[in-house]
Amino acid sequence: MIKWLIKHLKKNPKVVTRYRISFCDAPDLSTAFGHDAILFWTREEAEAYLRRAWRNAITEEVNGAYRIEDAYLMIDKIDNVAGEE
């Protein structure tokens, strides 16, 4: 039974969804050139952090992207297999 459980867990690892703040050239995640090191459990936590930490630098909001000078901040959804970072 234990061998089966170990084999089953290796075949079906748990996927963990997290969110992070990505730095983009345009209001599109495909133009991302970096990201913040902090990971968040929910999109709401990431947005609250973004609005609080970057409030003085944000000049406008465009389709969920926050403009700062010549770049954009966007919330990026990432899926990690449990145990990976």
Protein backbone atom coordinates (compact mmCIF):
# COMPACT_ATOMS: atom_id res chain seq x y z
CA MET A 1 0.00 0.00 0.00
CA ILE A 2 2.77 2.47 0.85
CA LYS A 3 4.62 1.69 -2.38
CA TRP A 4 1.42 2.40 -4.34
CA LEU A 5 0.93 5.70 -2.51
CA ILE A 6 4.48 6.87 -3.20
CA LYS A 7 4.18 5.86 -6.86
CA HIS A 8 0.80 7.62 -7.11
CA LEU A 9 2.11 10.85 -5.57
CA LYS A 10 5.05 10.92 -7.98
CA LYS A 11 2.71 10.54 -10.96
CA ASN A 12 0.18 13.09 -9.70
CA PRO A 13 2.07 15.91 -7.99
CA LYS A 14 -0.02 18.65 -6.42
CA VAL A 15 -0.12 21.89 -8.40
CA VAL A 16 -0.02 25.06 -6.34
CA THR A 17 -1.23 28.32 -7.88
CA ARG A 18 0.47 31.51 -6.78
CA TYR A 19 0.60 35.08 -8.03
CA ARG A 20 3.44 37.57 -8.48
CA ILE A 21 3.99 41.09 -9.77
CA SER A 22 5.60 41.15 -13.24
CA PHE A 23 7.35 44.10 -14.86
CA CYS A 24 6.30 44.55 -18.50
CA ASP A 25 7.19 46.83 -21.43
CA ALA A 26 3.52 47.07 -22.49
CA PRO A 27 0.21 46.21 -20.78
CA ASP A 28 0.63 42.58 -21.87
CA LEU A 29 2.28 39.72 -19.93
CA SER A 30 4.07 38.51 -23.07
CA THR A 31 6.34 41.58 -22.79
CA ALA A 32 7.45 40.79 -19.21
CA PHE A 33 11.13 41.40 -18.51
CA GLY A 34 11.23 40.62 -14.78
CA HIS A 35 9.19 40.07 -11.64
CA ASP A 36 9.03 40.83 -7.95
CA ALA A 37 10.40 38.13 -5.65
CA ILE A 38 7.31 38.00 -3.43
CA LEU A 39 4.72 35.29 -4.13
CA PHE A 40 1.07 35.68 -3.10
CA TRP A 41 -1.61 33.06 -2.44
CA THR A 42 -4.44 35.06 -4.03
CA ARG A 43 -4.82 37.64 -6.77
CA GLU A 44 -6.43 40.00 -4.25
CA GLU A 45 -3.35 39.87 -1.99
CA ALA A 46 -1.09 40.64 -4.96
CA GLU A 47 -3.26 43.57 -6.04
CA ALA A 48 -3.44 44.98 -2.50
CA TYR A 49 0.37 44.79 -2.20
CA LEU A 50 0.84 46.38 -5.61
CA ARG A 51 -1.48 49.30 -4.83
CA ARG A 52 0.07 49.82 -1.38
CA ALA A 53 3.76 49.43 -2.24
CA TRP A 54 3.73 51.23 -5.61
CA ARG A 55 1.01 53.84 -4.93
CA ASN A 56 3.33 56.84 -5.39
CA ALA A 57 4.81 55.56 -8.66
CA ILE A 58 1.60 54.42 -10.41
CA THR A 59 0.41 57.02 -12.93
CA GLU A 60 -2.53 55.18 -14.53
CA GLU A 61 -4.32 51.83 -14.82
CA VAL A 62 -4.76 50.23 -18.26
CA ASN A 63 -6.70 46.94 -18.53
CA GLY A 64 -5.42 45.58 -15.22
CA ALA A 65 -1.88 46.87 -15.78
CA TYR A 66 -0.46 49.69 -13.68
CA ARG A 67 1.79 52.16 -15.50
CA ILE A 68 4.95 53.40 -13.79
CA GLU A 69 7.12 55.75 -15.85
CA ASP A 70 7.97 53.72 -19.00
CA ALA A 71 6.93 50.25 -17.74
CA TYR A 72 3.84 48.42 -16.50
CA LEU A 73 3.17 46.29 -13.42
CA MET A 74 0.88 43.31 -13.91
CA ILE A 75 -0.28 40.43 -11.73
CA ASP A 76 0.97 37.15 -13.15
CA LYS A 77 -0.54 33.75 -12.27
CA ILE A 78 2.05 30.97 -11.91
CA ASP A 79 1.50 27.29 -11.27
CA ASN A 80 4.16 25.44 -9.29
CA VAL A 81 4.37 21.76 -8.60
CA ALA A 82 4.44 21.29 -4.83
CA GLY A 83 7.99 21.51 -3.55
CA GLU A 84 9.23 23.71 -6.41
CA GLU A 85 9.80 27.47 -6.19
